[in-house]
Amino acid sequence: MSGHPPSAMRFMPSELLRNALSDIRDNILFAQEFVAELDYVSFVKSRRDVYAVTRAIEIVPETSRKLPDDVRARNPSMHGATSGMSAISIATNTTMWRNRTSGGPVQEPLPPLLEVVLAEISILDAGS
């Protein structure tokens, strides 16, 4: 017996991987969208926006830990990008906005990570 009730839905490994990659992609896009039209003062005054951005960024490294070793081995930059994200989310302060015209720290690690995630999703799509 596998320990799962007979009625439990089971996923194929590729489906679990696709779900994890989609969660990472979606939360990167959410974090970028949430700050797109805000200046620092408006952002810090909005508890809802601070919470939304912080949570979206926290989900990325949480989910990336679930990725299989082969995905992480193909993308060593993924570890570097996600390891600092929890610190970024906790430090939702002027550091995040210091370089606002070029996107600031919320933007800097996210586009390269998003490219990696989209490439991995493409690999899955090609194999389907």
C-alpha atoms as a PDB file:
ATOM      1  CA  MET A   1       0.000   0.000   0.000  1.00  0.00           C
ATOM      2  CA  SER A   2       1.395   3.395  -0.958  1.00  0.00           C
ATOM      3  CA  GLY A   3       0.006   5.269   2.015  1.00  0.00           C
ATOM      4  CA  HIS A   4      -2.387   7.230  -0.210  1.00  0.00           C
ATOM      5  CA  PRO A   5      -6.104   6.594   0.048  1.00  0.00           C
ATOM      6  CA  PRO A   6      -7.387   4.771  -3.043  1.00  0.00           C
ATOM      7  CA  SER A   7      -9.324   7.854  -4.156  1.00  0.00           C
ATOM      8  CA  ALA A   8      -6.343  10.223  -3.928  1.00  0.00           C
ATOM      9  CA  MET A   9      -5.520  11.872  -7.221  1.00  0.00           C
ATOM     10  CA  ARG A  10      -2.053  10.983  -8.424  1.00  0.00           C
ATOM     11  CA  PHE A  11      -0.037  13.171 -10.755  1.00  0.00           C
ATOM     12  CA  MET A  12       2.593  12.231 -13.278  1.00  0.00           C
ATOM     13  CA  PRO A  13       6.012  13.703 -12.408  1.00  0.00           C
ATOM     14  CA  SER A  14       5.851  15.976 -15.468  1.00  0.00           C
ATOM     15  CA  GLU A  15       2.497  17.332 -14.277  1.00  0.00           C
ATOM     16  CA  LEU A  16       3.944  18.114 -10.850  1.00  0.00           C
ATOM     17  CA  LEU A  17       6.897  19.815 -12.528  1.00  0.00           C
ATOM     18  CA  ARG A  18       4.616  21.806 -14.820  1.00  0.00           C
ATOM     19  CA  ASN A  19       2.537  22.904 -11.813  1.00  0.00           C
ATOM     20  CA  ALA A  20       5.635  24.027  -9.897  1.00  0.00           C
ATOM     21  CA  LEU A  21       7.045  25.899 -12.899  1.00  0.00           C
ATOM     22  CA  SER A  22       3.661  27.524 -13.523  1.00  0.00           C
ATOM     23  CA  ASP A  23       3.461  28.631  -9.879  1.00  0.00           C
ATOM     24  CA  ILE A  24       6.922  30.193 -10.129  1.00  0.00           C
ATOM     25  CA  ARG A  25       6.064  31.895 -13.441  1.00  0.00           C
ATOM     26  CA  ASP A  26       2.752  33.214 -12.157  1.00  0.00           C
ATOM     27  CA  ASN A  27       4.188  34.621  -8.939  1.00  0.00           C
ATOM     28  CA  ILE A  28       7.059  36.344 -10.733  1.00  0.00           C
ATOM     29  CA  LEU A  29       4.504  37.991 -13.015  1.00  0.00           C
ATOM     30  CA  PHE A  30       2.285  38.889 -10.043  1.00  0.00           C
ATOM     31  CA  ALA A  31       5.167  40.570  -8.181  1.00  0.00           C
ATOM     32  CA  GLN A  32       6.104  42.565 -11.270  1.00  0.00           C
ATOM     33  CA  GLU A  33       2.508  43.533 -11.939  1.00  0.00           C
ATOM     34  CA  PHE A  34       1.869  44.581  -8.334  1.00  0.00           C
ATOM     35  CA  VAL A  35       4.703  47.150  -8.376  1.00  0.00           C
ATOM     36  CA  ALA A  36       4.467  48.241 -12.002  1.00  0.00           C
ATOM     37  CA  GLU A  37       2.506  51.428 -11.413  1.00  0.00           C
ATOM     38  CA  LEU A  38       3.593  52.224  -7.849  1.00  0.00           C
ATOM     39  CA  ASP A  39       6.159  54.596  -6.451  1.00  0.00           C
ATOM     40  CA  TYR A  40       7.875  53.730  -3.190  1.00  0.00           C
ATOM     41  CA  VAL A  41       5.744  56.013  -0.982  1.00  0.00           C
ATOM     42  CA  SER A  42       2.487  54.614  -2.360  1.00  0.00           C
ATOM     43  CA  PHE A  43       3.780  51.092  -2.008  1.00  0.00           C
ATOM     44  CA  VAL A  44       4.832  51.297   1.653  1.00  0.00           C
ATOM     45  CA  LYS A  45       1.571  53.008   2.579  1.00  0.00           C
ATOM     46  CA  SER A  46      -0.401  50.098   1.183  1.00  0.00           C
ATOM     47  CA  ARG A  47      -0.327  47.144   3.521  1.00  0.00           C
ATOM     48  CA  ARG A  48      -2.142  45.110   0.875  1.00  0.00           C
ATOM     49  CA  ASP A  49       0.474  45.825  -1.810  1.00  0.00           C
ATOM     50  CA  VAL A  50       3.387  45.118   0.533  1.00  0.00           C
ATOM     51  CA  TYR A  51       1.789  41.840   1.551  1.00  0.00           C
ATOM     52  CA  ALA A  52       0.952  40.837  -2.028  1.00  0.00           C
ATOM     53  CA  VAL A  53       4.453  41.504  -3.355  1.00  0.00           C
ATOM     54  CA  THR A  54       6.121  39.902  -0.354  1.00  0.00           C
ATOM     55  CA  ARG A  55       3.999  36.778  -0.608  1.00  0.00           C
ATOM     56  CA  ALA A  56       4.432  36.455  -4.362  1.00  0.00           C
ATOM     57  CA  ILE A  57       8.203  36.685  -4.007  1.00  0.00           C
ATOM     58  CA  GLU A  58       8.278  34.228  -1.095  1.00  0.00           C
ATOM     59  CA  ILE A  59       6.395  31.628  -3.124  1.00  0.00           C
ATOM     60  CA  VAL A  60       9.125  31.554  -5.787  1.00  0.00           C
ATOM     61  CA  PRO A  61      11.947  30.046  -3.675  1.00  0.00           C
ATOM     62  CA  GLU A  62       9.468  27.904  -1.728  1.00  0.00           C
ATOM     63  CA  THR A  63       8.280  26.342  -4.965  1.00  0.00           C
ATOM     64  CA  SER A  64      11.718  26.160  -6.572  1.00  0.00           C
ATOM     65  CA  ARG A  65      12.836  23.828  -3.766  1.00  0.00           C
ATOM     66  CA  LYS A  66      10.318  21.310  -5.118  1.00  0.00           C
ATOM     67  CA  LEU A  67      11.956  21.206  -8.552  1.00  0.00           C
ATOM     68  CA  PRO A  68      13.758  17.991  -9.459  1.00  0.00           C
ATOM     69  CA  ASP A  69      17.552  17.838  -9.340  1.00  0.00           C
ATOM     70  CA  ASP A  70      17.869  17.580 -13.137  1.00  0.00           C
ATOM     71  CA  VAL A  71      16.037  20.890 -13.622  1.00  0.00           C
ATOM     72  CA  ARG A  72      18.243  22.605 -11.050  1.00  0.00           C
ATOM     73  CA  ALA A  73      21.368  21.048 -12.598  1.00  0.00           C
ATOM     74  CA  ARG A  74      20.394  22.401 -16.047  1.00  0.00           C
ATOM     75  CA  ASN A  75      19.833  25.847 -14.553  1.00  0.00           C
ATOM     76  CA  PRO A  76      22.426  26.650 -11.889  1.00  0.00           C
ATOM     77  CA  SER A  77      21.499  30.338 -12.065  1.00  0.00           C
ATOM     78  CA  MET A  78      18.074  29.405 -10.687  1.00  0.00           C
ATOM     79  CA  HIS A  79      19.543  28.649  -7.263  1.00  0.00           C
ATOM     80  CA  GLY A  80      21.330  31.990  -7.078  1.00  0.00           C
ATOM     81  CA  ALA A  81      18.247  33.900  -8.128  1.00  0.00           C
ATOM     82  CA  THR A  82      15.922  32.180  -5.690  1.00  0.00           C
ATOM     83  CA  SER A  83      18.264  32.015  -2.694  1.00  0.00           C
ATOM     84  CA  GLY A  84      18.201  35.784  -2.282  1.00  0.00           C
ATOM     85  CA  MET A  85      14.502  36.196  -2.844  1.00  0.00           C
ATOM     86  CA  SER A  86      13.363  35.522   0.693  1.00  0.00           C
ATOM     87  CA  ALA A  87      15.747  38.247   1.835  1.00  0.00           C
ATOM     88  CA  ILE A  88      14.333  40.606  -0.786  1.00  0.00           C
ATOM     89  CA  SER A  89      10.790  39.896   0.321  1.00  0.00           C
ATOM     90  CA  ILE A  90      11.622  40.506   3.967  1.00  0.00           C
ATOM     91  CA  ALA A  91      13.487  43.687   3.077  1.00  0.00           C
ATOM     92  CA  THR A  92      10.560  45.261   1.254  1.00  0.00           C
ATOM     93  CA  ASN A  93      12.013  48.692   1.820  1.00  0.00           C
ATOM     94  CA  THR A  94      14.031  51.354   0.015  1.00  0.00           C
ATOM     95  CA  THR A  95      16.393  48.702  -1.340  1.00  0.00           C
ATOM     96  CA  MET A  96      13.521  47.469  -3.458  1.00  0.00           C
ATOM     97  CA  TRP A  97      12.978  50.887  -4.923  1.00  0.00           C
ATOM     98  CA  ARG A  98      16.477  52.381  -4.958  1.00  0.00           C
ATOM     99  CA  ASN A  99      16.875  51.797  -8.663  1.00  0.00           C
ATOM    100  CA  ARG A 100      13.214  52.236  -9.555  1.00  0.00           C
ATOM    101  CA  THR A 101      13.838  53.576 -13.041  1.00  0.00           C
ATOM    102  CA  SER A 102      15.624  50.361 -14.010  1.00  0.00           C
ATOM    103  CA  GLY A 103      13.247  48.128 -12.129  1.00  0.00           C
ATOM    104  CA  GLY A 104      14.984  47.814  -8.768  1.00  0.00           C
ATOM    105  CA  PRO A 105      15.712  44.589  -6.933  1.00  0.00           C
ATOM    106  CA  VAL A 106      12.223  43.136  -7.364  1.00  0.00           C
ATOM    107  CA  GLN A 107      12.749  43.342 -11.097  1.00  0.00           C
ATOM    108  CA  GLU A 108      16.434  42.441 -11.338  1.00  0.00           C
ATOM    109  CA  PRO A 109      16.420  38.728 -10.415  1.00  0.00           C
ATOM    110  CA  LEU A 110      12.961  38.076 -11.802  1.00  0.00           C
ATOM    111  CA  PRO A 111      13.315  38.438 -15.599  1.00  0.00           C
ATOM    112  CA  PRO A 112      16.276  36.023 -15.883  1.00  0.00           C
ATOM    113  CA  LEU A 113      14.522  33.559 -13.609  1.00  0.00           C
ATOM    114  CA  LEU A 114      11.326  33.957 -15.619  1.00  0.00           C
ATOM    115  CA  GLU A 115      13.289  33.154 -18.813  1.00  0.00           C
ATOM    116  CA  VAL A 116      14.609  29.939 -17.232  1.00  0.00           C
ATOM    117  CA  VAL A 117      11.131  28.917 -16.085  1.00  0.00           C
ATOM    118  CA  LEU A 118       9.606  29.621 -19.504  1.00  0.00           C
ATOM    119  CA  ALA A 119      12.380  27.584 -21.163  1.00  0.00           C
ATOM    120  CA  GLU A 120      11.671  24.646 -18.851  1.00  0.00           C
ATOM    121  CA  ILE A 121       7.952  24.881 -19.603  1.00  0.00           C
ATOM    122  CA  SER A 122       8.829  24.846 -23.321  1.00  0.00           C
ATOM    123  CA  ILE A 123      10.868  21.669 -22.805  1.00  0.00           C
ATOM    124  CA  LEU A 124       7.845  20.048 -21.176  1.00  0.00           C
ATOM    125  CA  ASP A 125       5.571  21.257 -23.982  1.00  0.00           C
ATOM    126  CA  ALA A 126       7.938  19.834 -26.625  1.00  0.00           C
ATOM    127  CA  GLY A 127       7.864  16.465 -24.903  1.00  0.00           C
ATOM    128  CA  SER A 128       4.070  16.361 -24.692  1.00  0.00           C
END
